[in-house]
N, C-alpha and C. Protein backbone atom coordinates (compact mmCIF):
# COMPACT_ATOMS: atom_id res chain seq x y z
N MET A 1 0.90 -1.12 0.00
CA MET A 1 0.18 0.21 0.03
C MET A 1 0.83 1.31 0.06
N ILE A 2 1.92 1.36 0.74
CA ILE A 2 2.83 2.74 1.18
C ILE A 2 3.15 2.87 -0.48
N LEU A 3 4.08 1.60 -0.91
CA LEU A 3 4.70 1.92 -2.29
C LEU A 3 3.94 2.11 -3.52
N LYS A 4 2.56 1.81 -3.26
CA LYS A 4 1.60 2.39 -4.17
C LYS A 4 1.25 3.66 -4.07
N VAL A 5 0.88 4.05 -3.08
CA VAL A 5 0.64 5.67 -2.87
C VAL A 5 1.75 6.34 -3.08
N PHE A 6 2.92 6.49 -2.66
CA PHE A 6 4.19 7.22 -2.54
C PHE A 6 4.30 7.32 -4.29
N GLY A 7 4.62 8.40 -4.74
CA GLY A 7 4.79 8.99 -6.15
C GLY A 7 3.56 8.57 -7.05
N SER A 8 2.39 8.52 -6.70
CA SER A 8 1.58 8.39 -7.45
C SER A 8 0.60 9.41 -7.66
N LYS A 9 0.26 10.03 -9.01
CA LYS A 9 -0.56 11.11 -8.81
C LYS A 9 -1.98 10.92 -8.78
N ASN A 10 -2.34 9.41 -8.72
CA ASN A 10 -3.70 9.22 -9.12
C ASN A 10 -3.96 8.40 -7.32
N ALA A 11 -3.23 8.65 -6.44
CA ALA A 11 -3.65 8.05 -5.38
C ALA A 11 -4.70 8.93 -4.63
N SER A 12 -5.65 8.31 -4.13
CA SER A 12 -6.81 9.08 -3.43
C SER A 12 -6.68 9.35 -2.12
N ASN A 13 -7.47 10.36 -1.54
CA ASN A 13 -7.04 11.30 -0.35
C ASN A 13 -7.18 9.93 0.52
N ALA A 14 -8.09 9.04 0.57
CA ALA A 14 -8.39 8.19 1.39
C ALA A 14 -7.01 7.13 1.54
N GLU A 15 -6.49 7.06 0.54
CA GLU A 15 -5.10 6.06 0.44
C GLU A 15 -3.98 6.96 0.83
N ILE A 16 -4.05 8.16 0.58
CA ILE A 16 -2.92 8.92 1.48
C ILE A 16 -3.16 9.10 2.91
N ARG A 17 -4.22 9.33 3.33
CA ARG A 17 -4.66 9.19 4.62
C ARG A 17 -4.38 8.03 5.43
N THR A 18 -4.65 6.98 4.73
CA THR A 18 -3.93 5.46 5.01
C THR A 18 -2.36 5.67 5.49
N VAL A 19 -2.03 5.79 4.52
CA VAL A 19 -0.53 5.66 4.48
C VAL A 19 -0.12 6.60 5.74
N VAL A 20 -0.71 7.82 5.83
CA VAL A 20 0.00 8.96 6.92
C VAL A 20 -0.32 8.40 8.15
N ASP A 21 -1.53 7.66 8.44
CA ASP A 21 -1.99 6.93 9.48
C ASP A 21 -1.12 5.83 9.94
N ILE A 22 -0.44 5.12 9.07
CA ILE A 22 0.16 3.94 9.10
C ILE A 22 1.35 4.18 9.90
N PHE A 23 2.11 5.61 9.12
CA PHE A 23 3.63 6.25 9.77
C PHE A 23 3.05 6.80 11.02
N THR A 24 2.03 7.51 11.60
CA THR A 24 2.16 7.72 12.43
C THR A 24 1.90 6.70 13.41
N ASN A 25 1.12 5.65 13.46
CA ASN A 25 0.94 4.67 14.36
C ASN A 25 2.12 3.93 14.67
N ILE A 26 2.96 4.05 13.82
CA ILE A 26 4.50 3.25 14.00
C ILE A 26 5.58 4.25 14.45
N GLY A 27 5.16 5.47 14.74
CA GLY A 27 5.88 6.65 14.94
C GLY A 27 7.21 7.19 14.12
N VAL A 28 6.80 6.98 12.72
CA VAL A 28 7.87 7.50 11.77
C VAL A 28 7.71 8.99 11.78
N ASP A 29 6.61 9.39 11.63
CA ASP A 29 6.48 10.91 11.70
C ASP A 29 7.21 11.39 12.80
N ASN A 30 7.24 11.05 14.55
CA ASN A 30 7.84 11.39 15.17
C ASN A 30 9.56 11.49 15.08
N ASP A 31 9.71 10.46 14.28
CA ASP A 31 11.41 10.32 14.46
C ASP A 31 12.12 11.36 12.78
N VAL A 32 10.93 11.37 11.76
CA VAL A 32 11.29 12.33 10.88
C VAL A 32 11.21 13.74 11.64
N ARG A 33 10.10 14.34 12.63
CA ARG A 33 10.59 15.30 12.85
C ARG A 33 11.36 15.97 13.78
N LYS A 34 11.95 14.73 14.47
CA LYS A 34 13.11 14.82 15.35
C LYS A 34 14.31 15.15 14.51
N MET A 35 14.61 14.29 13.31
CA MET A 35 15.70 14.78 12.40
C MET A 35 15.53 15.85 11.86
N ALA A 36 14.55 16.36 11.57
CA ALA A 36 14.11 17.89 10.78
C ALA A 36 14.92 18.86 11.83
N ARG A 37 14.01 18.87 13.32
CA ARG A 37 14.60 19.52 14.06
C ARG A 37 16.06 19.27 14.22
N PHE A 38 16.81 18.87 14.09
CA PHE A 38 18.28 18.51 14.32
C PHE A 38 18.87 19.42 13.23
N TYR A 39 18.28 19.12 11.99
CA TYR A 39 19.10 19.70 11.00
C TYR A 39 18.53 21.34 10.57
N THR A 40 17.58 21.58 11.10
CA THR A 40 16.86 23.06 11.12
C THR A 40 18.04 23.78 11.81
N SER A 41 17.91 23.25 13.10
CA SER A 41 18.75 23.83 14.10
C SER A 41 20.29 24.20 13.51
N LYS A 42 20.81 23.35 13.17
CA LYS A 42 22.36 23.55 12.54
C LYS A 42 22.22 24.78 11.63
N ALA A 43 20.80 24.43 10.61
CA ALA A 43 20.83 25.66 9.60
C ALA A 43 20.64 27.15 10.36
N LEU A 44 19.99 27.05 11.08
CA LEU A 44 19.48 28.27 12.08
C LEU A 44 21.01 29.04 12.53
N ASP A 45 21.39 28.00 13.08
CA ASP A 45 23.31 28.35 13.52
C ASP A 45 23.89 28.83 12.43
N ILE A 46 24.20 28.50 11.60
CA ILE A 46 24.71 29.00 10.40
C ILE A 46 24.18 30.42 10.05
N LEU A 47 22.98 30.34 9.67
CA LEU A 47 22.23 31.86 9.62
C LEU A 47 22.75 33.05 10.76
N LYS A 48 22.99 32.51 11.73
CA LYS A 48 23.11 33.60 12.65
C LYS A 48 24.93 34.21 12.49
N LEU A 49 25.43 33.41 11.52
CA LEU A 49 26.65 34.29 10.87
C LEU A 49 26.70 35.38 9.96
N TYR A 50 25.45 35.61 9.34
CA TYR A 50 25.06 36.43 8.71
C TYR A 50 23.96 37.68 9.45
N ASN A 51 24.26 38.86 8.47
CA ASN A 51 23.14 40.12 9.06
C ASN A 51 22.03 39.98 8.78
N ASP A 52 21.61 40.52 9.50
CA ASP A 52 19.88 40.52 9.78
C ASP A 52 19.41 40.94 8.24
N SER A 53 18.60 40.28 7.85
CA SER A 53 17.67 41.00 6.62
C SER A 53 16.16 40.21 6.46
N LYS A 54 15.60 40.90 5.98
CA LYS A 54 13.81 39.89 5.62
C LYS A 54 14.65 38.59 4.94
N ALA A 55 15.38 38.34 4.23
CA ALA A 55 15.66 37.07 3.73
C ALA A 55 15.97 35.91 5.02
N LYS A 56 16.84 36.64 5.62
CA LYS A 56 17.07 35.52 6.80
C LYS A 56 15.90 35.78 8.10
N TYR A 57 15.20 36.73 8.21
CA TYR A 57 14.31 36.14 8.82
C TYR A 57 12.81 35.13 8.31
N ALA A 58 12.97 35.42 7.15
CA ALA A 58 11.79 34.39 6.21
C ALA A 58 12.42 33.12 6.28
N LEU A 59 13.48 32.66 6.06
CA LEU A 59 14.32 31.41 6.21
C LEU A 59 14.39 31.18 7.82
N GLN A 60 14.34 31.94 8.81
CA GLN A 60 14.42 31.24 10.20
C GLN A 60 12.53 31.00 10.26
N LEU A 61 11.64 31.79 9.66
CA LEU A 61 10.42 31.59 9.88
C LEU A 61 9.85 30.36 9.11
N LEU A 62 10.27 30.21 7.82
CA LEU A 62 10.02 28.99 7.03
C LEU A 62 10.48 27.78 7.80
N THR A 63 11.90 27.70 8.60
CA THR A 63 12.01 26.56 9.12
C THR A 63 11.40 26.05 10.30
N ASP A 64 10.55 26.83 10.74
CA ASP A 64 9.58 26.48 12.03
C ASP A 64 8.42 25.59 11.35
N PHE A 65 8.15 26.53 10.51
CA PHE A 65 6.98 26.23 9.50
C PHE A 65 6.82 24.40 9.12
N ILE A 66 8.12 24.50 8.40
CA ILE A 66 8.30 23.32 7.72
C ILE A 66 8.31 22.10 8.69
N VAL A 67 9.04 22.28 10.03
CA VAL A 67 9.11 21.25 10.83
C VAL A 67 7.74 20.95 11.75
N GLU A 68 7.03 22.33 12.21
CA GLU A 68 5.93 22.04 12.75
C GLU A 68 4.92 21.82 12.15
N ARG A 69 4.43 21.97 10.58
CA ARG A 69 3.29 21.32 10.01
C ARG A 69 2.99 19.97 9.91
N THR A 70 1.78 19.71 9.98
CA THR A 70 1.18 17.93 9.95
C THR A 70 0.79 17.83 8.67
N LEU A 71 0.50 16.65 8.47
CA LEU A 71 -0.09 16.19 7.26
C LEU A 71 -1.41 16.00 7.63
């Protein structure tokens, strides 16, 4: 089911929801979010080296949005 849904432009909303539920039930979403937090933390540390700007601020906000959003 998972391999059938991923990469398929024809997957139904119900099929996608089923796969998301499978990932949630086995904890994959938590593992991925934890890894994403690790890498975004590293990226934010690197951003500190640059002067403040609108672009820098946008990148900082974007990292929070990407990690915290849900499926």
